[in-house]
Amino acid sequence: QKKFEAKDRQKLLMAFGITGGLALVAGLAGSYVYSYEAE
């Protein structure tokens, strides 16, 4: 891109928010979601 728009900034923020948010939820709330059991 030769010139960026405001929506490009929003998409960057959204992508980081989604990725980081999912990783944060998995790390912090994992013990409430997973049993960590195996066969």
ModelCIF file with pLDDT and N, C-alpha, C, O atoms, coordinates in Angstrom:
data_MODEL
#
_entry.id   MODEL 
#
_entity.id                         1 
_entity.type                       polymer 
_entity.pdbx_number_of_molecules   1 
#
_entity_poly.entity_id                      1 
_entity_poly.type                           'polypeptide(L)' 
_entity_poly.nstd_linkage                   no 
_entity_poly.nstd_monomer                   no 
_entity_poly.pdbx_seq_one_letter_code       QKKFEAKDRQKLLMAFGITGGLALVAGLAGSYVYSYEAE 
_entity_poly.pdbx_seq_one_letter_code_can   QKKFEAKDRQKLLMAFGITGGLALVAGLAGSYVYSYEAE 
_entity_poly.pdbx_strand_id                 A 
#
loop_
_entity_poly_seq.entity_id 
_entity_poly_seq.num 
_entity_poly_seq.mon_id 
_entity_poly_seq.hetero 
1 1  GLN n 
1 2  LYS n 
1 3  LYS n 
1 4  PHE n 
1 5  GLU n 
1 6  ALA n 
1 7  LYS n 
1 8  ASP n 
1 9  ARG n 
1 10 GLN n 
1 11 LYS n 
1 12 LEU n 
1 13 LEU n 
1 14 MET n 
1 15 ALA n 
1 16 PHE n 
1 17 GLY n 
1 18 ILE n 
1 19 THR n 
1 20 GLY n 
1 21 GLY n 
1 22 LEU n 
1 23 ALA n 
1 24 LEU n 
1 25 VAL n 
1 26 ALA n 
1 27 GLY n 
1 28 LEU n 
1 29 ALA n 
1 30 GLY n 
1 31 SER n 
1 32 TYR n 
1 33 VAL n 
1 34 TYR n 
1 35 SER n 
1 36 TYR n 
1 37 GLU n 
1 38 ALA n 
1 39 GLU n 
#
_struct_asym.id          A 
_struct_asym.entity_id   1 
#
loop_
_ma_qa_metric.id 
_ma_qa_metric.mode 
_ma_qa_metric.name 
_ma_qa_metric.software_group_id 
_ma_qa_metric.type 
1 global pLDDT . pLDDT 
2 local  pLDDT . pLDDT 
#
_ma_qa_metric_global.metric_id      1 
_ma_qa_metric_global.metric_value   85.64 
_ma_qa_metric_global.model_id       1 
_ma_qa_metric_global.ordinal_id     1 
#
loop_
_ma_qa_metric_local.label_asym_id 
_ma_qa_metric_local.label_comp_id 
_ma_qa_metric_local.label_seq_id 
_ma_qa_metric_local.metric_id 
_ma_qa_metric_local.metric_value 
_ma_qa_metric_local.model_id 
_ma_qa_metric_local.ordinal_id 
A GLN 1  2 83.00 1 1  
A LYS 2  2 80.00 1 2  
A LYS 3  2 83.00 1 3  
A PHE 4  2 85.00 1 4  
A GLU 5  2 85.00 1 5  
A ALA 6  2 85.00 1 6  
A LYS 7  2 88.00 1 7  
A ASP 8  2 87.00 1 8  
A ARG 9  2 89.00 1 9  
A GLN 10 2 91.00 1 10 
A LYS 11 2 92.00 1 11 
A LEU 12 2 91.00 1 12 
A LEU 13 2 93.00 1 13 
A MET 14 2 94.00 1 14 
A ALA 15 2 94.00 1 15 
A PHE 16 2 94.00 1 16 
A GLY 17 2 94.00 1 17 
A ILE 18 2 94.00 1 18 
A THR 19 2 93.00 1 19 
A GLY 20 2 91.00 1 20 
A GLY 21 2 91.00 1 21 
A LEU 22 2 91.00 1 22 
A ALA 23 2 90.00 1 23 
A LEU 24 2 88.00 1 24 
A VAL 25 2 88.00 1 25 
A ALA 26 2 85.00 1 26 
A GLY 27 2 84.00 1 27 
A LEU 28 2 81.00 1 28 
A ALA 29 2 79.00 1 29 
A GLY 30 2 74.00 1 30 
A SER 31 2 70.00 1 31 
A TYR 32 2 74.00 1 32 
A VAL 33 2 75.00 1 33 
A TYR 34 2 78.00 1 34 
A SER 35 2 80.00 1 35 
A TYR 36 2 83.00 1 36 
A GLU 37 2 83.00 1 37 
A ALA 38 2 82.00 1 38 
A GLU 39 2 78.00 1 39 
#
loop_
_atom_site.group_PDB 
_atom_site.id 
_atom_site.type_symbol 
_atom_site.label_atom_id 
_atom_site.label_alt_id 
_atom_site.label_comp_id 
_atom_site.label_asym_id 
_atom_site.label_entity_id 
_atom_site.label_seq_id 
_atom_site.pdbx_PDB_ins_code 
_atom_site.Cartn_x 
_atom_site.Cartn_y 
_atom_site.Cartn_z 
_atom_site.occupancy 
_atom_site.B_iso_or_equiv 
_atom_site.pdbx_formal_charge 
_atom_site.auth_seq_id 
_atom_site.auth_comp_id 
_atom_site.auth_asym_id 
_atom_site.auth_atom_id 
_atom_site.pdbx_PDB_model_num 
ATOM 1   N N  . GLN A 1 1  ? 0.832   -1.202  0.000  1.00 83.00 ? 1  GLN A N  1 
ATOM 2   C CA . GLN A 1 1  ? 0.000   0.000   0.000  1.00 83.00 ? 1  GLN A CA 1 
ATOM 3   C C  . GLN A 1 1  ? 0.875   1.264   0.000  1.00 83.00 ? 1  GLN A C  1 
ATOM 4   O O  . GLN A 1 1  ? 1.838   1.378   0.758  1.00 83.00 ? 1  GLN A O  1 
ATOM 5   N N  . LYS A 1 2  ? 0.512   2.186   -0.856 1.00 80.00 ? 2  LYS A N  1 
ATOM 6   C CA . LYS A 1 2  ? 1.241   3.454   -0.908 1.00 80.00 ? 2  LYS A CA 1 
ATOM 7   C C  . LYS A 1 2  ? 0.682   4.464   0.091  1.00 80.00 ? 2  LYS A C  1 
ATOM 8   O O  . LYS A 1 2  ? 1.374   5.380   0.536  1.00 80.00 ? 2  LYS A O  1 
ATOM 9   N N  . LYS A 1 3  ? -0.595  4.266   0.430  1.00 83.00 ? 3  LYS A N  1 
ATOM 10  C CA . LYS A 1 3  ? -1.224  5.187   1.372  1.00 83.00 ? 3  LYS A CA 1 
ATOM 11  C C  . LYS A 1 3  ? -2.195  4.411   2.255  1.00 83.00 ? 3  LYS A C  1 
ATOM 12  O O  . LYS A 1 3  ? -3.019  3.645   1.755  1.00 83.00 ? 3  LYS A O  1 
ATOM 13  N N  . PHE A 1 4  ? -2.097  4.608   3.573  1.00 85.00 ? 4  PHE A N  1 
ATOM 14  C CA . PHE A 1 4  ? -2.950  3.894   4.511  1.00 85.00 ? 4  PHE A CA 1 
ATOM 15  C C  . PHE A 1 4  ? -4.148  4.753   4.911  1.00 85.00 ? 4  PHE A C  1 
ATOM 16  O O  . PHE A 1 4  ? -4.115  5.983   4.861  1.00 85.00 ? 4  PHE A O  1 
ATOM 17  N N  . GLU A 1 5  ? -5.213  4.042   5.310  1.00 85.00 ? 5  GLU A N  1 
ATOM 18  C CA . GLU A 1 5  ? -6.432  4.717   5.759  1.00 85.00 ? 5  GLU A CA 1 
ATOM 19  C C  . GLU A 1 5  ? -6.696  4.365   7.215  1.00 85.00 ? 5  GLU A C  1 
ATOM 20  O O  . GLU A 1 5  ? -6.023  3.515   7.797  1.00 85.00 ? 5  GLU A O  1 
ATOM 21  N N  . ALA A 1 6  ? -7.688  5.035   7.792  1.00 85.00 ? 6  ALA A N  1 
ATOM 22  C CA . ALA A 1 6  ? -8.002  4.795   9.200  1.00 85.00 ? 6  ALA A CA 1 
ATOM 23  C C  . ALA A 1 6  ? -8.486  3.365   9.432  1.00 85.00 ? 6  ALA A C  1 
ATOM 24  O O  . ALA A 1 6  ? -8.238  2.787   10.490 1.00 85.00 ? 6  ALA A O  1 
ATOM 25  N N  . LYS A 1 7  ? -9.184  2.789   8.431  1.00 88.00 ? 7  LYS A N  1 
ATOM 26  C CA . LYS A 1 7  ? -9.695  1.425   8.595  1.00 88.00 ? 7  LYS A CA 1 
ATOM 27  C C  . LYS A 1 7  ? -8.557  0.401   8.669  1.00 88.00 ? 7  LYS A C  1 
ATOM 28  O O  . LYS A 1 7  ? -8.714  -0.660  9.273  1.00 88.00 ? 7  LYS A O  1 
ATOM 29  N N  . ASP A 1 8  ? -7.407  0.720   8.051  1.00 87.00 ? 8  ASP A N  1 
ATOM 30  C CA . ASP A 1 8  ? -6.265  -0.178  8.140  1.00 87.00 ? 8  ASP A CA 1 
ATOM 31  C C  . ASP A 1 8  ? -5.760  -0.270  9.577  1.00 87.00 ? 8  ASP A C  1 
ATOM 32  O O  . ASP A 1 8  ? -5.366  -1.341  10.040 1.00 87.00 ? 8  ASP A O  1 
ATOM 33  N N  . ARG A 1 9  ? -5.775  0.850   10.268 1.00 89.00 ? 9  ARG A N  1 
ATOM 34  C CA . ARG A 1 9  ? -5.360  0.857   11.670 1.00 89.00 ? 9  ARG A CA 1 
ATOM 35  C C  . ARG A 1 9  ? -6.323  0.027   12.517 1.00 89.00 ? 9  ARG A C  1 
ATOM 36  O O  . ARG A 1 9  ? -5.901  -0.711  13.407 1.00 89.00 ? 9  ARG A O  1 
ATOM 37  N N  . GLN A 1 10 ? -7.606  0.154   12.234 1.00 91.00 ? 10 GLN A N  1 
ATOM 38  C CA . GLN A 1 10 ? -8.602  -0.618  12.990 1.00 91.00 ? 10 GLN A CA 1 
ATOM 39  C C  . GLN A 1 10 ? -8.420  -2.122  12.785 1.00 91.00 ? 10 GLN A C  1 
ATOM 40  O O  . GLN A 1 10 ? -8.557  -2.903  13.726 1.00 91.00 ? 10 GLN A O  1 
ATOM 41  N N  . LYS A 1 11 ? -8.109  -2.524  11.550 1.00 92.00 ? 11 LYS A N  1 
ATOM 42  C CA . LYS A 1 11 ? -7.924  -3.952  11.269 1.00 92.00 ? 11 LYS A CA 1 
ATOM 43  C C  . LYS A 1 11 ? -6.674  -4.495  11.961 1.00 92.00 ? 11 LYS A C  1 
ATOM 44  O O  . LYS A 1 11 ? -6.668  -5.633  12.430 1.00 92.00 ? 11 LYS A O  1 
ATOM 45  N N  . LEU A 1 12 ? -5.621  -3.687  12.024 1.00 91.00 ? 12 LEU A N  1 
ATOM 46  C CA . LEU A 1 12 ? -4.423  -4.103  12.754 1.00 91.00 ? 12 LEU A CA 1 
ATOM 47  C C  . LEU A 1 12 ? -4.736  -4.307  14.235 1.00 91.00 ? 12 LEU A C  1 
ATOM 48  O O  . LEU A 1 12 ? -4.350  -5.314  14.830 1.00 91.00 ? 12 LEU A O  1 
ATOM 49  N N  . LEU A 1 13 ? -5.446  -3.330  14.825 1.00 93.00 ? 13 LEU A N  1 
ATOM 50  C CA . LEU A 1 13 ? -5.804  -3.427  16.238 1.00 93.00 ? 13 LEU A CA 1 
ATOM 51  C C  . LEU A 1 13 ? -6.719  -4.615  16.495 1.00 93.00 ? 13 LEU A C  1 
ATOM 52  O O  . LEU A 1 13 ? -6.555  -5.321  17.490 1.00 93.00 ? 13 LEU A O  1 
ATOM 53  N N  . MET A 1 14 ? -7.691  -4.844  15.596 1.00 94.00 ? 14 MET A N  1 
ATOM 54  C CA . MET A 1 14 ? -8.614  -5.974  15.758 1.00 94.00 ? 14 MET A CA 1 
ATOM 55  C C  . MET A 1 14 ? -7.878  -7.306  15.684 1.00 94.00 ? 14 MET A C  1 
ATOM 56  O O  . MET A 1 14 ? -8.143  -8.209  16.477 1.00 94.00 ? 14 MET A O  1 
ATOM 57  N N  . ALA A 1 15 ? -6.953  -7.429  14.729 1.00 94.00 ? 15 ALA A N  1 
ATOM 58  C CA . ALA A 1 15 ? -6.223  -8.691  14.573 1.00 94.00 ? 15 ALA A CA 1 
ATOM 59  C C  . ALA A 1 15 ? -5.418  -9.015  15.823 1.00 94.00 ? 15 ALA A C  1 
ATOM 60  O O  . ALA A 1 15 ? -5.412  -10.153 16.292 1.00 94.00 ? 15 ALA A O  1 
ATOM 61  N N  . PHE A 1 16 ? -4.727  -7.986  16.369 1.00 94.00 ? 16 PHE A N  1 
ATOM 62  C CA . PHE A 1 16 ? -3.947  -8.215  17.583 1.00 94.00 ? 16 PHE A CA 1 
ATOM 63  C C  . PHE A 1 16 ? -4.856  -8.486  18.777 1.00 94.00 ? 16 PHE A C  1 
ATOM 64  O O  . PHE A 1 16 ? -4.544  -9.316  19.631 1.00 94.00 ? 16 PHE A O  1 
ATOM 65  N N  . GLY A 1 17 ? -5.979  -7.779  18.827 1.00 94.00 ? 17 GLY A N  1 
ATOM 66  C CA . GLY A 1 17 ? -6.925  -7.993  19.925 1.00 94.00 ? 17 GLY A CA 1 
ATOM 67  C C  . GLY A 1 17 ? -7.501  -9.399  19.916 1.00 94.00 ? 17 GLY A C  1 
ATOM 68  O O  . GLY A 1 17 ? -7.617  -10.037 20.962 1.00 94.00 ? 17 GLY A O  1 
ATOM 69  N N  . ILE A 1 18 ? -7.871  -9.892  18.705 1.00 94.00 ? 18 ILE A N  1 
ATOM 70  C CA . ILE A 1 18 ? -8.436  -11.244 18.600 1.00 94.00 ? 18 ILE A CA 1 
ATOM 71  C C  . ILE A 1 18 ? -7.393  -12.299 18.962 1.00 94.00 ? 18 ILE A C  1 
ATOM 72  O O  . ILE A 1 18 ? -7.662  -13.197 19.760 1.00 94.00 ? 18 ILE A O  1 
ATOM 73  N N  . THR A 1 19 ? -6.194  -12.184 18.368 1.00 93.00 ? 19 THR A N  1 
ATOM 74  C CA . THR A 1 19 ? -5.148  -13.186 18.602 1.00 93.00 ? 19 THR A CA 1 
ATOM 75  C C  . THR A 1 19 ? -4.682  -13.171 20.051 1.00 93.00 ? 19 THR A C  1 
ATOM 76  O O  . THR A 1 19 ? -4.635  -14.208 20.713 1.00 93.00 ? 19 THR A O  1 
ATOM 77  N N  . GLY A 1 20 ? -4.337  -11.974 20.537 1.00 91.00 ? 20 GLY A N  1 
ATOM 78  C CA . GLY A 1 20 ? -3.879  -11.871 21.917 1.00 91.00 ? 20 GLY A CA 1 
ATOM 79  C C  . GLY A 1 20 ? -4.961  -12.228 22.913 1.00 91.00 ? 20 GLY A C  1 
ATOM 80  O O  . GLY A 1 20 ? -4.688  -12.837 23.947 1.00 91.00 ? 20 GLY A O  1 
ATOM 81  N N  . GLY A 1 21 ? -6.207  -11.846 22.598 1.00 91.00 ? 21 GLY A N  1 
ATOM 82  C CA . GLY A 1 21 ? -7.316  -12.151 23.502 1.00 91.00 ? 21 GLY A CA 1 
ATOM 83  C C  . GLY A 1 21 ? -7.554  -13.650 23.627 1.00 91.00 ? 21 GLY A C  1 
ATOM 84  O O  . GLY A 1 21 ? -7.756  -14.160 24.729 1.00 91.00 ? 21 GLY A O  1 
ATOM 85  N N  . LEU A 1 22 ? -7.529  -14.360 22.493 1.00 91.00 ? 22 LEU A N  1 
ATOM 86  C CA . LEU A 1 22 ? -7.727  -15.817 22.539 1.00 91.00 ? 22 LEU A CA 1 
ATOM 87  C C  . LEU A 1 22 ? -6.613  -16.493 23.327 1.00 91.00 ? 22 LEU A C  1 
ATOM 88  O O  . LEU A 1 22 ? -6.871  -17.391 24.128 1.00 91.00 ? 22 LEU A O  1 
ATOM 89  N N  . ALA A 1 23 ? -5.369  -16.060 23.098 1.00 90.00 ? 23 ALA A N  1 
ATOM 90  C CA . ALA A 1 23 ? -4.244  -16.643 23.825 1.00 90.00 ? 23 ALA A CA 1 
ATOM 91  C C  . ALA A 1 23 ? -4.349  -16.348 25.323 1.00 90.00 ? 23 ALA A C  1 
ATOM 92  O O  . ALA A 1 23 ? -4.051  -17.204 26.156 1.00 90.00 ? 23 ALA A O  1 
ATOM 93  N N  . LEU A 1 24 ? -4.773  -15.136 25.653 1.00 88.00 ? 24 LEU A N  1 
ATOM 94  C CA . LEU A 1 24 ? -4.905  -14.756 27.064 1.00 88.00 ? 24 LEU A CA 1 
ATOM 95  C C  . LEU A 1 24 ? -6.002  -15.563 27.750 1.00 88.00 ? 24 LEU A C  1 
ATOM 96  O O  . LEU A 1 24 ? -5.828  -16.027 28.877 1.00 88.00 ? 24 LEU A O  1 
ATOM 97  N N  . VAL A 1 25 ? -7.122  -15.726 27.070 1.00 88.00 ? 25 VAL A N  1 
ATOM 98  C CA . VAL A 1 25 ? -8.228  -16.507 27.646 1.00 88.00 ? 25 VAL A CA 1 
ATOM 99  C C  . VAL A 1 25 ? -7.811  -17.963 27.846 1.00 88.00 ? 25 VAL A C  1 
ATOM 100 O O  . VAL A 1 25 ? -8.097  -18.560 28.884 1.00 88.00 ? 25 VAL A O  1 
ATOM 101 N N  . ALA A 1 26 ? -7.118  -18.541 26.825 1.00 85.00 ? 26 ALA A N  1 
ATOM 102 C CA . ALA A 1 26 ? -6.680  -19.933 26.936 1.00 85.00 ? 26 ALA A CA 1 
ATOM 103 C C  . ALA A 1 26 ? -5.706  -20.108 28.093 1.00 85.00 ? 26 ALA A C  1 
ATOM 104 O O  . ALA A 1 26 ? -5.765  -21.103 28.817 1.00 85.00 ? 26 ALA A O  1 
ATOM 105 N N  . GLY A 1 27 ? -4.803  -19.133 28.268 1.00 84.00 ? 27 GLY A N  1 
ATOM 106 C CA . GLY A 1 27 ? -3.803  -19.255 29.329 1.00 84.00 ? 27 GLY A CA 1 
ATOM 107 C C  . GLY A 1 27 ? -4.364  -19.054 30.715 1.00 84.00 ? 27 GLY A C  1 
ATOM 108 O O  . GLY A 1 27 ? -4.014  -19.787 31.640 1.00 84.00 ? 27 GLY A O  1 
ATOM 109 N N  . LEU A 1 28 ? -5.237  -18.063 30.874 1.00 81.00 ? 28 LEU A N  1 
ATOM 110 C CA . LEU A 1 28 ? -5.749  -17.733 32.203 1.00 81.00 ? 28 LEU A CA 1 
ATOM 111 C C  . LEU A 1 28 ? -6.955  -18.578 32.596 1.00 81.00 ? 28 LEU A C  1 
ATOM 112 O O  . LEU A 1 28 ? -7.072  -19.010 33.743 1.00 81.00 ? 28 LEU A O  1 
ATOM 113 N N  . ALA A 1 29 ? -7.847  -18.809 31.642 1.00 79.00 ? 29 ALA A N  1 
ATOM 114 C CA . ALA A 1 29 ? -9.093  -19.519 31.953 1.00 79.00 ? 29 ALA A CA 1 
ATOM 115 C C  . ALA A 1 29 ? -9.038  -20.990 31.557 1.00 79.00 ? 29 ALA A C  1 
ATOM 116 O O  . ALA A 1 29 ? -10.055 -21.681 31.606 1.00 79.00 ? 29 ALA A O  1 
ATOM 117 N N  . GLY A 1 30 ? -7.853  -21.478 31.164 1.00 74.00 ? 30 GLY A N  1 
ATOM 118 C CA . GLY A 1 30 ? -7.752  -22.860 30.716 1.00 74.00 ? 30 GLY A CA 1 
ATOM 119 C C  . GLY A 1 30 ? -8.196  -23.862 31.753 1.00 74.00 ? 30 GLY A C  1 
ATOM 120 O O  . GLY A 1 30 ? -8.855  -24.849 31.425 1.00 74.00 ? 30 GLY A O  1 
ATOM 121 N N  . SER A 1 31 ? -7.842  -23.619 33.010 1.00 70.00 ? 31 SER A N  1 
ATOM 122 C CA . SER A 1 31 ? -8.188  -24.573 34.067 1.00 70.00 ? 31 SER A CA 1 
ATOM 123 C C  . SER A 1 31 ? -9.691  -24.659 34.298 1.00 70.00 ? 31 SER A C  1 
ATOM 124 O O  . SER A 1 31 ? -10.181 -25.641 34.854 1.00 70.00 ? 31 SER A O  1 
ATOM 125 N N  . TYR A 1 32 ? -10.433 -23.618 33.866 1.00 74.00 ? 32 TYR A N  1 
ATOM 126 C CA . TYR A 1 32 ? -11.887 -23.646 34.025 1.00 74.00 ? 32 TYR A CA 1 
ATOM 127 C C  . TYR A 1 32 ? -12.578 -24.284 32.817 1.00 74.00 ? 32 TYR A C  1 
ATOM 128 O O  . TYR A 1 32 ? -13.742 -24.679 32.887 1.00 74.00 ? 32 TYR A O  1 
ATOM 129 N N  . VAL A 1 33 ? -11.835 -24.377 31.707 1.00 75.00 ? 33 VAL A N  1 
ATOM 130 C CA . VAL A 1 33 ? -12.412 -24.905 30.468 1.00 75.00 ? 33 VAL A CA 1 
ATOM 131 C C  . VAL A 1 33 ? -11.967 -26.344 30.213 1.00 75.00 ? 33 VAL A C  1 
ATOM 132 O O  . VAL A 1 33 ? -12.763 -27.179 29.783 1.00 75.00 ? 33 VAL A O  1 
ATOM 133 N N  . TYR A 1 34 ? -10.687 -26.630 30.481 1.00 78.00 ? 34 TYR A N  1 
ATOM 134 C CA . TYR A 1 34 ? -10.117 -27.938 30.184 1.00 78.00 ? 34 TYR A CA 1 
ATOM 135 C C  . TYR A 1 34 ? -9.920  -28.745 31.456 1.00 78.00 ? 34 TYR A C  1 
ATOM 136 O O  . TYR A 1 34 ? -9.680  -28.186 32.526 1.00 78.00 ? 34 TYR A O  1 
ATOM 137 N N  . SER A 1 35 ? -10.021 -30.055 31.334 1.00 80.00 ? 35 SER A N  1 
ATOM 138 C CA . SER A 1 35 ? -9.763  -30.949 32.463 1.00 80.00 ? 35 SER A CA 1 
ATOM 139 C C  . SER A 1 35 ? -8.320  -31.423 32.486 1.00 80.00 ? 35 SER A C  1 
ATOM 140 O O  . SER A 1 35 ? -7.839  -31.923 33.503 1.00 80.00 ? 35 SER A O  1 
ATOM 141 N N  . TYR A 1 36 ? -7.622  -31.261 31.342 1.00 83.00 ? 36 TYR A N  1 
ATOM 142 C CA . TYR A 1 36 ? -6.243  -31.727 31.187 1.00 83.00 ? 36 TYR A CA 1 
ATOM 143 C C  . TYR A 1 36 ? -6.115  -33.233 31.420 1.00 83.00 ? 36 TYR A C  1 
ATOM 144 O O  . TYR A 1 36 ? -5.072  -33.718 31.859 1.00 83.00 ? 36 TYR A O  1 
ATOM 145 N N  . GLU A 1 37 ? -7.182  -33.960 31.123 1.00 83.00 ? 37 GLU A N  1 
ATOM 146 C CA . GLU A 1 37 ? -7.152  -35.409 31.269 1.00 83.00 ? 37 GLU A CA 1 
ATOM 147 C C  . GLU A 1 37 ? -6.747  -36.069 29.952 1.00 83.00 ? 37 GLU A C  1 
ATOM 148 O O  . GLU A 1 37 ? -6.905  -35.488 28.879 1.00 83.00 ? 37 GLU A O  1 
ATOM 149 N N  . ALA A 1 38 ? -6.226  -37.283 30.050 1.00 82.00 ? 38 ALA A N  1 
ATOM 150 C CA . ALA A 1 38 ? -5.882  -38.087 28.883 1.00 82.00 ? 38 ALA A CA 1 
ATOM 151 C C  . ALA A 1 38 ? -6.351  -39.515 29.120 1.00 82.00 ? 38 ALA A C  1 
ATOM 152 O O  . ALA A 1 38 ? -6.566  -39.931 30.258 1.00 82.00 ? 38 ALA A O  1 
ATOM 153 N N  . GLU A 1 39 ? -6.506  -40.262 28.025 1.00 78.00 ? 39 GLU A N  1 
ATOM 154 C CA . GLU A 1 39 ? -6.963  -41.643 28.136 1.00 78.00 ? 39 GLU A CA 1 
ATOM 155 C C  . GLU A 1 39 ? -5.993  -42.481 28.980 1.00 78.00 ? 39 GLU A C  1 
ATOM 156 O O  . GLU A 1 39 ? -6.221  -43.674 29.180 1.00 78.00 ? 39 GLU A O  1 
#
